C-alpha atoms as a PDB file:
ATOM      1  CA  MET A   1     117.809 120.552 149.191  1.00  0.00           C
ATOM      2  CA  LYS A   2     116.018 118.857 152.072  1.00  0.00           C
ATOM      3  CA  LEU A   3     112.648 119.975 150.656  1.00  0.00           C
ATOM      4  CA  VAL A   4     113.476 118.411 147.291  1.00  0.00           C
ATOM      5  CA  SER A   5     114.530 115.137 148.971  1.00  0.00           C
ATOM      6  CA  VAL A   6     111.351 114.994 151.030  1.00  0.00           C
ATOM      7  CA  ALA A   7     109.251 115.646 147.948  1.00  0.00           C
ATOM      8  CA  ILE A   8     110.974 112.822 146.058  1.00  0.00           C
ATOM      9  CA  ILE A   9     110.406 110.442 148.980  1.00  0.00           C
ATOM     10  CA  LEU A  10     106.716 111.371 149.233  1.00  0.00           C
ATOM     11  CA  ILE A  11     106.217 110.998 145.497  1.00  0.00           C
ATOM     12  CA  GLY A  12     107.908 107.565 145.653  1.00  0.00           C
ATOM     13  CA  THR A  13     105.755 106.568 148.626  1.00  0.00           C
ATOM     14  CA  PHE A  14     102.503 107.606 146.952  1.00  0.00           C
ATOM     15  CA  SER A  15     103.626 105.815 143.794  1.00  0.00           C
ATOM     16  CA  SER A  16     104.300 102.583 145.771  1.00  0.00           C
ATOM     17  CA  LEU A  17     100.955 102.829 147.582  1.00  0.00           C
ATOM     18  CA  SER A  18      99.234 103.332 144.247  1.00  0.00           C
ATOM     19  CA  CYS A  19     100.914 100.181 142.853  1.00  0.00           C
ATOM     20  CA  ILE A  20      99.925  98.154 145.938  1.00  0.00           C
ATOM     21  CA  LYS A  21      96.316  99.352 145.611  1.00  0.00           C
ATOM     22  CA  GLU A  22      96.285  98.416 141.924  1.00  0.00           C
ATOM     23  CA  GLU A  23      97.697  94.945 142.710  1.00  0.00           C
ATOM     24  CA  LYS A  24      95.071  94.401 145.423  1.00  0.00           C
ATOM     25  CA  ASP A  25      92.302  95.527 143.101  1.00  0.00           C
ATOM     26  CA  SER A  26      93.691  93.221 140.422  1.00  0.00           C
ATOM     27  CA  CYS A  27      93.763  90.295 142.899  1.00  0.00           C
ATOM     28  CA  ARG A  28      90.174  91.001 143.945  1.00  0.00           C
ATOM     29  CA  GLN A  29      89.135  91.003 140.294  1.00  0.00           C
ATOM     30  CA  CYS A  30      90.882  87.631 139.805  1.00  0.00           C
ATOM     31  CA  GLU A  31      89.225  86.167 142.905  1.00  0.00           C
ATOM     32  CA  ASN A  32      85.817  87.364 141.767  1.00  0.00           C
ATOM     33  CA  LYS A  33      86.252  86.076 138.219  1.00  0.00           C
ATOM     34  CA  LEU A  34      84.065  83.050 137.472  1.00  0.00           C
ATOM     35  CA  MET A  35      85.316  80.045 135.512  1.00  0.00           C
ATOM     36  CA  LYS A  36      83.418  77.233 133.832  1.00  0.00           C
ATOM     37  CA  VAL A  37      83.775  73.898 135.611  1.00  0.00           C
ATOM     38  CA  SER A  38      82.423  70.637 134.176  1.00  0.00           C
ATOM     39  CA  PHE A  39      82.329  67.159 135.732  1.00  0.00           C
ATOM     40  CA  LYS A  40      82.485  63.723 134.142  1.00  0.00           C
ATOM     41  CA  GLY A  41      81.737  60.353 135.695  1.00  0.00           C
ATOM     42  CA  SER A  42      83.428  57.006 135.115  1.00  0.00           C
ATOM     43  CA  TYR A  43      83.708  53.680 136.930  1.00  0.00           C
ATOM     44  CA  MET A  44      87.065  52.650 138.343  1.00  0.00           C
ATOM     45  CA  ARG A  45      87.944  49.044 137.539  1.00  0.00           C
ATOM     46  CA  GLU A  46      90.315  47.204 139.857  1.00  0.00           C
ATOM     47  CA  GLY A  47      92.661  44.558 138.540  1.00  0.00           C
ATOM     48  CA  ILE A  48      96.220  43.932 137.463  1.00  0.00           C
ATOM     49  CA  THR A  49      95.971  47.171 135.508  1.00  0.00           C
ATOM     50  CA  LYS A  50      93.500  49.793 136.655  1.00  0.00           C
ATOM     51  CA  SER A  51      91.121  51.128 134.042  1.00  0.00           C
ATOM     52  CA  SER A  52      87.844  53.013 133.857  1.00  0.00           C
ATOM     53  CA  SER A  53      84.641  52.992 131.853  1.00  0.00           C
ATOM     54  CA  LEU A  54      82.331  55.923 131.159  1.00  0.00           C
ATOM     55  CA  MET A  55      79.226  56.336 133.316  1.00  0.00           C
ATOM     56  CA  PRO A  56      76.079  55.692 131.233  1.00  0.00           C
ATOM     57  CA  GLU A  57      73.335  58.238 130.669  1.00  0.00           C
ATOM     58  CA  GLY A  58      70.761  58.935 133.386  1.00  0.00           C
ATOM     59  CA  ILE A  59      72.765  58.160 136.556  1.00  0.00           C
ATOM     60  CA  GLU A  60      72.116  60.627 139.392  1.00  0.00           C
ATOM     61  CA  SER A  61      74.818  61.786 141.810  1.00  0.00           C
ATOM     62  CA  ILE A  62      75.559  64.405 144.463  1.00  0.00           C
ATOM     63  CA  ILE A  63      78.646  66.661 144.211  1.00  0.00           C
ATOM     64  CA  LEU A  64      80.041  68.640 147.132  1.00  0.00           C
ATOM     65  CA  ALA A  65      82.837  71.222 147.052  1.00  0.00           C
ATOM     66  CA  TYR A  66      85.072  72.476 149.856  1.00  0.00           C
ATOM     67  CA  ASN A  67      87.936  74.913 149.998  1.00  0.00           C
ATOM     68  CA  ALA A  68      91.101  72.824 149.537  1.00  0.00           C
ATOM     69  CA  GLY A  69      92.244  71.336 152.828  1.00  0.00           C
ATOM     70  CA  ASP A  70      88.959  71.928 154.659  1.00  0.00           C
ATOM     71  CA  ASN A  71      87.857  69.021 156.840  1.00  0.00           C
ATOM     72  CA  PRO A  72      84.233  68.072 155.994  1.00  0.00           C
ATOM     73  CA  THR A  73      83.783  66.827 159.565  1.00  0.00           C
ATOM     74  CA  LYS A  74      84.249  70.395 160.795  1.00  0.00           C
ATOM     75  CA  LYS A  75      83.544  72.675 157.820  1.00  0.00           C
ATOM     76  CA  SER A  76      80.444  73.314 155.741  1.00  0.00           C
ATOM     77  CA  SER A  77      80.474  72.631 152.018  1.00  0.00           C
ATOM     78  CA  TYR A  78      81.061  75.451 149.541  1.00  0.00           C
ATOM     79  CA  PRO A  79      78.009  77.698 148.935  1.00  0.00           C
ATOM     80  CA  GLY A  80      75.748  76.288 146.248  1.00  0.00           C
ATOM     81  CA  THR A  81      76.688  72.678 146.967  1.00  0.00           C
ATOM     82  CA  PRO A  82      75.626  69.904 147.189  1.00  0.00           C
ATOM     83  CA  LEU A  83      74.798  69.819 143.498  1.00  0.00           C
ATOM     84  CA  PHE A  84      72.294  67.238 142.282  1.00  0.00           C
ATOM     85  CA  VAL A  85      73.524  66.084 138.879  1.00  0.00           C
ATOM     86  CA  LYS A  86      72.616  63.549 136.190  1.00  0.00           C
ATOM     87  CA  SER A  87      74.955  61.933 133.652  1.00  0.00           C
ATOM     88  CA  ASP A  88      74.368  62.650 129.969  1.00  0.00           C
ATOM     89  CA  ILE A  89      75.173  60.522 126.918  1.00  0.00           C
ATOM     90  CA  ASN A  90      78.826  61.648 127.019  1.00  0.00           C
ATOM     91  CA  GLY A  91      79.289  60.952 130.730  1.00  0.00           C
ATOM     92  CA  TYR A  92      79.060  64.607 131.792  1.00  0.00           C
ATOM     93  CA  LEU A  93      77.390  65.177 135.161  1.00  0.00           C
ATOM     94  CA  THR A  94      74.888  67.890 134.330  1.00  0.00           C
ATOM     95  CA  VAL A  95      72.744  70.306 136.329  1.00  0.00           C
ATOM     96  CA  ASN A  96      69.415  70.800 134.549  1.00  0.00           C
ATOM     97  CA  GLU A  97      71.070  69.412 131.352  1.00  0.00           C
ATOM     98  CA  ASP A  98      73.841  72.056 131.553  1.00  0.00           C
ATOM     99  CA  LYS A  99      77.306  70.487 131.812  1.00  0.00           C
ATOM    100  CA  ASN A 100      78.978  73.691 133.115  1.00  0.00           C
ATOM    101  CA  ILE A 101      78.756  75.421 136.470  1.00  0.00           C
ATOM    102  CA  MET A 102      80.474  78.707 137.348  1.00  0.00           C
ATOM    103  CA  MET A 103      83.007  78.879 140.196  1.00  0.00           C
ATOM    104  CA  PRO A 104      85.430  81.575 141.390  1.00  0.00           C
ATOM    105  CA  ILE A 105      89.166  81.082 140.857  1.00  0.00           C
ATOM    106  CA  GLY A 106      90.593  79.099 143.769  1.00  0.00           C
ATOM    107  CA  ASN A 107      91.682  75.699 145.106  1.00  0.00           C
ATOM    108  CA  TYR A 108      88.980  73.157 145.916  1.00  0.00           C
ATOM    109  CA  ASP A 109      88.338  69.619 147.129  1.00  0.00           C
ATOM    110  CA  PHE A 110      85.448  67.868 145.360  1.00  0.00           C
ATOM    111  CA  TYR A 111      83.506  64.781 146.484  1.00  0.00           C
ATOM    112  CA  ALA A 112      80.782  62.804 144.694  1.00  0.00           C
ATOM    113  CA  ILE A 113      78.339  60.118 145.844  1.00  0.00           C
ATOM    114  CA  SER A 114      75.831  58.070 143.850  1.00  0.00           C
ATOM    115  CA  THR A 115      73.638  54.988 144.130  1.00  0.00           C
ATOM    116  CA  ASN A 116      74.434  54.136 140.474  1.00  0.00           C
ATOM    117  CA  SER A 117      70.791  54.537 139.493  1.00  0.00           C
ATOM    118  CA  ASN A 118      68.407  57.060 137.974  1.00  0.00           C
ATOM    119  CA  PHE A 119      67.211  58.046 141.450  1.00  0.00           C
ATOM    120  CA  MET A 120      69.457  59.562 144.115  1.00  0.00           C
ATOM    121  CA  GLU A 121      67.950  58.952 147.528  1.00  0.00           C
ATOM    122  CA  SER A 122      68.001  61.627 150.230  1.00  0.00           C
ATOM    123  CA  LEU A 123      70.857  60.976 152.635  1.00  0.00           C
ATOM    124  CA  ILE A 124      71.693  62.901 155.805  1.00  0.00           C
ATOM    125  CA  LEU A 125      75.159  64.506 155.905  1.00  0.00           C
ATOM    126  CA  LYS A 126      76.303  64.926 159.500  1.00  0.00           C
ATOM    127  CA  ASP A 127      79.872  65.606 160.662  1.00  0.00           C
ATOM    128  CA  GLY A 128      81.310  64.499 157.323  1.00  0.00           C
ATOM    129  CA  MET A 129      79.356  61.215 157.308  1.00  0.00           C
ATOM    130  CA  TYR A 130      76.419  60.259 155.093  1.00  0.00           C
ATOM    131  CA  GLU A 131      73.941  58.396 157.278  1.00  0.00           C
ATOM    132  CA  GLY A 132      71.008  56.077 156.656  1.00  0.00           C
ATOM    133  CA  LEU A 133      72.581  53.713 154.106  1.00  0.00           C
ATOM    134  CA  THR A 134      70.511  50.671 153.184  1.00  0.00           C
ATOM    135  CA  ASN A 135      71.033  47.259 151.587  1.00  0.00           C
ATOM    136  CA  GLY A 136      70.347  46.757 147.896  1.00  0.00           C
ATOM    137  CA  LYS A 137      72.051  50.011 146.813  1.00  0.00           C
ATOM    138  CA  ASP A 138      75.160  50.168 144.626  1.00  0.00           C
ATOM    139  CA  TYR A 139      76.818  53.049 146.470  1.00  0.00           C
ATOM    140  CA  LEU A 140      79.536  54.874 144.535  1.00  0.00           C
ATOM    141  CA  TRP A 141      82.101  57.375 145.848  1.00  0.00           C
ATOM    142  CA  ALA A 142      84.809  59.513 144.260  1.00  0.00           C
ATOM    143  CA  SER A 143      86.941  62.536 145.102  1.00  0.00           C
ATOM    144  CA  GLN A 144      89.222  65.027 143.394  1.00  0.00           C
ATOM    145  CA  LYS A 145      91.338  67.058 145.808  1.00  0.00           C
ATOM    146  CA  GLU A 146      93.546  70.132 145.475  1.00  0.00           C
ATOM    147  CA  MET A 147      91.904  71.102 142.211  1.00  0.00           C
ATOM    148  CA  LYS A 148      93.207  74.498 141.100  1.00  0.00           C
ATOM    149  CA  ILE A 149      90.554  76.422 139.205  1.00  0.00           C
ATOM    150  CA  LYS A 150      92.441  79.112 137.263  1.00  0.00           C
ATOM    151  CA  SER A 151      90.650  78.726 133.958  1.00  0.00           C
ATOM    152  CA  ASP A 152      87.804  76.673 132.483  1.00  0.00           C
ATOM    153  CA  THR A 153      88.325  73.190 133.956  1.00  0.00           C
ATOM    154  CA  ASP A 154      87.118  69.612 133.310  1.00  0.00           C
ATOM    155  CA  ILE A 155      87.087  67.325 136.348  1.00  0.00           C
ATOM    156  CA  THR A 156      86.611  63.540 136.098  1.00  0.00           C
ATOM    157  CA  PHE A 157      85.314  61.490 139.001  1.00  0.00           C
ATOM    158  CA  ASN A 158      86.504  57.867 138.933  1.00  0.00           C
ATOM    159  CA  PHE A 159      83.774  56.251 141.012  1.00  0.00           C
ATOM    160  CA  ALA A 160      84.558  53.232 143.186  1.00  0.00           C
ATOM    161  CA  HIS A 161      81.915  50.727 144.316  1.00  0.00           C
ATOM    162  CA  LYS A 162      81.427  50.777 148.088  1.00  0.00           C
ATOM    163  CA  ALA A 163      78.815  48.079 148.714  1.00  0.00           C
ATOM    164  CA  THR A 164      79.293  44.294 148.639  1.00  0.00           C
ATOM    165  CA  ALA A 165      78.011  42.027 145.844  1.00  0.00           C
ATOM    166  CA  PHE A 166      77.110  38.324 145.968  1.00  0.00           C
ATOM    167  CA  ILE A 167      76.626  35.819 143.159  1.00  0.00           C
ATOM    168  CA  LEU A 168      75.374  32.295 143.884  1.00  0.00           C
ATOM    169  CA  ASN A 169      75.495  29.699 141.098  1.00  0.00           C
ATOM    170  CA  PHE A 170      73.586  26.434 141.646  1.00  0.00           C
ATOM    171  CA  TYR A 171      74.400  23.077 139.991  1.00  0.00           C
ATOM    172  CA  SER A 172      72.757  19.642 140.026  1.00  0.00           C
ATOM    173  CA  GLY A 173      74.211  17.007 142.324  1.00  0.00           C
ATOM    174  CA  LYS A 174      74.217  13.225 141.956  1.00  0.00           C
ATOM    175  CA  GLY A 175      70.900  11.630 141.125  1.00  0.00           C
ATOM    176  CA  ILE A 176      69.246  14.878 139.978  1.00  0.00           C
ATOM    177  CA  ASP A 177      68.261  14.890 136.307  1.00  0.00           C
ATOM    178  CA  SER A 178      67.437  18.602 136.115  1.00  0.00           C
ATOM    179  CA  LEU A 179      67.385  21.545 138.499  1.00  0.00           C
ATOM    180  CA  PHE A 180      65.427  24.796 138.643  1.00  0.00           C
ATOM    181  CA  ILE A 181      66.025  27.479 141.291  1.00  0.00           C
ATOM    182  CA  SER A 182      63.267  30.101 141.391  1.00  0.00           C
ATOM    183  CA  LYS A 183      64.398  32.223 144.356  1.00  0.00           C
ATOM    184  CA  ILE A 184      66.283  32.260 147.624  1.00  0.00           C
ATOM    185  CA  PHE A 185      65.544  33.804 151.018  1.00  0.00           C
ATOM    186  CA  ILE A 186      68.366  35.492 152.920  1.00  0.00           C
ATOM    187  CA  ASN A 187      69.198  37.568 155.969  1.00  0.00           C
ATOM    188  CA  GLN A 188      71.204  40.675 155.153  1.00  0.00           C
ATOM    189  CA  CYS A 189      73.332  42.839 157.410  1.00  0.00           C
ATOM    190  CA  LEU A 190      71.684  45.405 159.666  1.00  0.00           C
ATOM    191  CA  GLU A 191      70.895  48.654 157.824  1.00  0.00           C
ATOM    192  CA  GLY A 192      71.568  52.268 158.809  1.00  0.00           C
ATOM    193  CA  GLY A 193      75.195  52.344 157.661  1.00  0.00           C
ATOM    194  CA  LYS A 194      77.418  55.415 157.374  1.00  0.00           C
ATOM    195  CA  LEU A 195      79.764  56.488 154.577  1.00  0.00           C
ATOM    196  CA  SER A 196      82.722  58.802 155.204  1.00  0.00           C
ATOM    197  CA  LEU A 197      82.766  61.687 152.746  1.00  0.00           C
ATOM    198  CA  VAL A 198      86.555  62.027 153.121  1.00  0.00           C
ATOM    199  CA  THR A 199      87.616  58.387 152.650  1.00  0.00           C
ATOM    200  CA  GLY A 200      84.568  56.845 150.960  1.00  0.00           C
ATOM    201  CA  LYS A 201      84.625  54.005 153.498  1.00  0.00           C
ATOM    202  CA  ILE A 202      81.339  52.498 154.656  1.00  0.00           C
ATOM    203  CA  ILE A 203      81.425  51.525 158.305  1.00  0.00           C
ATOM    204  CA  PRO A 204      80.579  47.791 158.119  1.00  0.00           C
ATOM    205  CA  SER A 205      77.729  46.298 160.100  1.00  0.00           C
ATOM    206  CA  ASN A 206      78.654  43.735 162.749  1.00  0.00           C
ATOM    207  CA  CYS A 207      75.413  41.769 162.772  1.00  0.00           C
ATOM    208  CA  LEU A 208      72.597  40.455 160.569  1.00  0.00           C
ATOM    209  CA  SER A 209      69.065  41.788 160.406  1.00  0.00           C
ATOM    210  CA  ALA A 210      66.190  39.575 161.521  1.00  0.00           C
ATOM    211  CA  GLU A 211      64.330  40.584 158.347  1.00  0.00           C
ATOM    212  CA  ILE A 212      64.344  38.012 155.535  1.00  0.00           C
ATOM    213  CA  ILE A 213      64.327  39.208 151.928  1.00  0.00           C
ATOM    214  CA  THR A 214      63.705  37.420 148.640  1.00  0.00           C
ATOM    215  CA  VAL A 215      66.242  37.305 145.801  1.00  0.00           C
ATOM    216  CA  LYS A 216      64.936  36.025 142.466  1.00  0.00           C
ATOM    217  CA  ALA A 217      67.013  33.552 140.472  1.00  0.00           C
ATOM    218  CA  GLU A 218      67.765  33.596 136.763  1.00  0.00           C
ATOM    219  CA  ASN A 219      69.318  30.596 135.012  1.00  0.00           C
ATOM    220  CA  ASN A 220      69.957  29.050 138.432  1.00  0.00           C
ATOM    221  CA  SER A 221      71.978  32.073 139.527  1.00  0.00           C
ATOM    222  CA  CYS A 222      71.201  34.724 142.167  1.00  0.00           C
ATOM    223  CA  LYS A 223      72.834  38.147 142.508  1.00  0.00           C
ATOM    224  CA  TRP A 224      72.342  40.831 145.141  1.00  0.00           C
ATOM    225  CA  ILE A 225      73.996  43.774 146.893  1.00  0.00           C
ATOM    226  CA  MET A 226      74.238  44.605 150.565  1.00  0.00           C
ATOM    227  CA  LEU A 227      76.287  46.782 152.894  1.00  0.00           C
ATOM    228  CA  PRO A 228      79.687  45.448 154.059  1.00  0.00           C
ATOM    229  CA  LEU A 229      79.640  43.022 156.987  1.00  0.00           C
ATOM    230  CA  SER A 230      82.459  42.707 159.525  1.00  0.00           C
ATOM    231  CA  GLY A 231      83.476  39.689 161.574  1.00  0.00           C
ATOM    232  CA  LYS A 232      83.203  35.973 160.865  1.00  0.00           C
ATOM    233  CA  ILE A 233      79.442  35.747 160.373  1.00  0.00           C
ATOM    234  CA  ASP A 234      77.715  33.075 158.287  1.00  0.00           C
ATOM    235  CA  ILE A 235      74.745  34.261 156.215  1.00  0.00           C
ATOM    236  CA  PRO A 236      71.718  31.882 156.401  1.00  0.00           C
ATOM    237  CA  ILE A 237      69.880  31.171 153.138  1.00  0.00           C
ATOM    238  CA  ILE A 238      66.848  29.096 152.171  1.00  0.00           C
ATOM    239  CA  VAL A 239      66.679  27.944 148.545  1.00  0.00           C
ATOM    240  CA  ASP A 240      63.420  27.312 146.707  1.00  0.00           C
ATOM    241  CA  VAL A 241      64.271  24.201 144.636  1.00  0.00           C
ATOM    242  CA  LEU A 242      62.440  22.379 141.859  1.00  0.00           C
ATOM    243  CA  MET A 243      64.247  19.169 140.863  1.00  0.00           C
ATOM    244  CA  GLN A 244      63.541  16.229 138.584  1.00  0.00           C
ATOM    245  CA  ILE A 245      64.558  12.777 139.801  1.00  0.00           C
ATOM    246  CA  ASN A 246      63.805   9.690 137.675  1.00  0.00           C
ATOM    247  CA  GLY A 247      61.165  11.658 135.793  1.00  0.00           C
ATOM    248  CA  LYS A 248      59.431  12.839 138.970  1.00  0.00           C
ATOM    249  CA  ILE A 249      59.212  16.592 139.756  1.00  0.00           C
ATOM    250  CA  ILE A 250      59.940  17.410 143.399  1.00  0.00           C
ATOM    251  CA  SER A 251      59.577  20.850 145.024  1.00  0.00           C
ATOM    252  CA  LYS A 252      61.285  21.651 148.300  1.00  0.00           C
ATOM    253  CA  LYS A 253      63.099  24.269 150.314  1.00  0.00           C
ATOM    254  CA  ILE A 254      66.668  23.525 151.400  1.00  0.00           C
ATOM    255  CA  GLY A 255      68.557  25.612 153.949  1.00  0.00           C
ATOM    256  CA  THR A 256      72.269  26.280 154.348  1.00  0.00           C
ATOM    257  CA  SER A 257      74.589  29.188 155.171  1.00  0.00           C
ATOM    258  CA  ILE A 258      77.070  31.207 153.124  1.00  0.00           C
ATOM    259  CA  PRO A 259      80.334  30.636 154.990  1.00  0.00           C
ATOM    260  CA  ALA A 260      81.950  33.632 156.649  1.00  0.00           C
ATOM    261  CA  MET A 261      85.128  35.156 155.291  1.00  0.00           C
ATOM    262  CA  ASP A 262      88.127  35.684 157.582  1.00  0.00           C
ATOM    263  CA  ASN A 263      88.015  39.451 157.058  1.00  0.00           C
ATOM    264  CA  GLY A 264      84.259  39.721 156.758  1.00  0.00           C
ATOM    265  CA  PHE A 265      82.447  40.669 153.555  1.00  0.00           C
ATOM    266  CA  LEU A 266      84.304  43.720 152.254  1.00  0.00           C
ATOM    267  CA  GLU A 267      83.254  46.721 150.187  1.00  0.00           C
ATOM    268  CA  GLY A 268      83.849  46.896 146.448  1.00  0.00           C
ATOM    269  CA  VAL A 269      84.144  43.110 146.164  1.00  0.00           C
ATOM    270  CA  ILE A 270      82.092  40.374 144.449  1.00  0.00           C
ATOM    271  CA  TYR A 271      81.815  37.079 146.322  1.00  0.00           C
ATOM    272  CA  VAL A 272      81.030  34.204 143.939  1.00  0.00           C
ATOM    273  CA  PHE A 273      79.860  30.888 145.398  1.00  0.00           C
ATOM    274  CA  ASN A 274      79.254  27.709 143.365  1.00  0.00           C
ATOM    275  CA  ILE A 275      76.778  25.445 145.148  1.00  0.00           C
ATOM    276  CA  ILE A 276      76.004  21.771 144.473  1.00  0.00           C
ATOM    277  CA  VAL A 277      72.366  20.872 145.185  1.00  0.00           C
ATOM    278  CA  ASP A 278      71.721  17.289 146.282  1.00  0.00           C
ATOM    279  CA  THR A 279      68.370  15.712 147.037  1.00  0.00           C
ATOM    280  CA  GLU A 280      68.377  16.769 150.700  1.00  0.00           C
ATOM    281  CA  SER A 281      71.277  19.171 151.148  1.00  0.00           C
ATOM    282  CA  MET A 282      73.693  21.614 149.484  1.00  0.00           C
ATOM    283  CA  SER A 283      77.464  21.955 149.504  1.00  0.00           C
ATOM    284  CA  PHE A 284      79.863  24.692 148.387  1.00  0.00           C
ATOM    285  CA  SER A 285      82.182  23.477 145.644  1.00  0.00           C
ATOM    286  CA  GLN A 286      84.091  26.666 144.862  1.00  0.00           C
ATOM    287  CA  THR A 287      84.403  30.218 146.178  1.00  0.00           C
ATOM    288  CA  SER A 288      86.096  33.181 144.533  1.00  0.00           C
ATOM    289  CA  VAL A 289      86.606  36.824 145.493  1.00  0.00           C
ATOM    290  CA  GLU A 290      86.718  39.257 142.586  1.00  0.00           C
ATOM    291  CA  GLY A 291      87.003  42.962 141.956  1.00  0.00           C
ATOM    292  CA  TRP A 292      83.776  44.698 140.981  1.00  0.00           C
ATOM    293  CA  ASN A 293      82.929  44.235 137.324  1.00  0.00           C
ATOM    294  CA  GLU A 294      80.097  46.156 135.648  1.00  0.00           C
ATOM    295  CA  GLU A 295      79.223  43.305 133.275  1.00  0.00           C
ATOM    296  CA  LYS A 296      79.229  40.621 135.952  1.00  0.00           C
ATOM    297  CA  CYS A 297      77.113  42.780 138.268  1.00  0.00           C
ATOM    298  CA  ALA A 298      74.508  43.589 135.617  1.00  0.00           C
ATOM    299  CA  ASN A 299      70.887  42.690 136.446  1.00  0.00           C
ATOM    300  CA  LEU A 300      71.411  42.579 140.177  1.00  0.00           C
ATOM    301  CA  TYR A 301      68.234  41.974 142.107  1.00  0.00           C
ATOM    302  CA  PHE A 302      67.358  44.243 144.987  1.00  0.00           C
ATOM    303  CA  ASN A 303      65.395  43.863 148.167  1.00  0.00           C
ATOM    304  CA  GLU A 304      61.933  42.340 148.085  1.00  0.00           C
ATOM    305  CA  PRO A 305      60.018  41.351 151.226  1.00  0.00           C
ATOM    306  CA  TRP A 306      59.581  37.663 151.831  1.00  0.00           C
END
């Protein structure tokens, strides 16, 4: 009787071990199974109601993947990333025109960075920070965390603008019959900024560069982008003015400063200044702070040496 009991126990034990082995083998097969993952890009619009618009064709970006919960300041990105991708006509972020990549089943955190252009500059990733940021670039950032890849998956990045935009509109003052602004000269913030991969925040500069750059005007309006600037710092500008007074054409350069904001010049914001040009001076008539708008920020001029 004891022999029979022992035999039954052994058979049951071997049966259980066999089931455990099969489950482990099954789990390994699941872990090793590759799924199709595709990425799409869109722009996040801030406002009373948040919305998004599809990223146009030809925009280059970088995508990094981490195991869910990994800290990019301490961990390396997932093998095979960063991926250098380009948006297609449908907003998909493609690798060599292929919208799908293959990834094992698992949980991941994804991050994406772009300069919103058809050329993605080389940036240095160190301790979870992208270094070497420069003025004149429309930096974008997005993340999708705790993404569970169990089957073929579509992931959409809602990119947020991380630089600062300026728009200056010039108007004729008293005694000026007509006004033409060809360009302005400005000091921008010191370059070499850093962007956190985890939060998307750009560490703002706390001072201006000594370098002066030229911003061209169109229809008496100037637009440009620079890195965020902290502190209450005025930004000096010199305006190249052509004015007509009593039928006489006068050319001159007039200097002033863009007044500092209490909280500095923040990321993802457009600062709009309306400026009245008089015969010898300029004054600010109206200032507004707006959320980034793709249409309003179209045709932004970038850095040119003085």
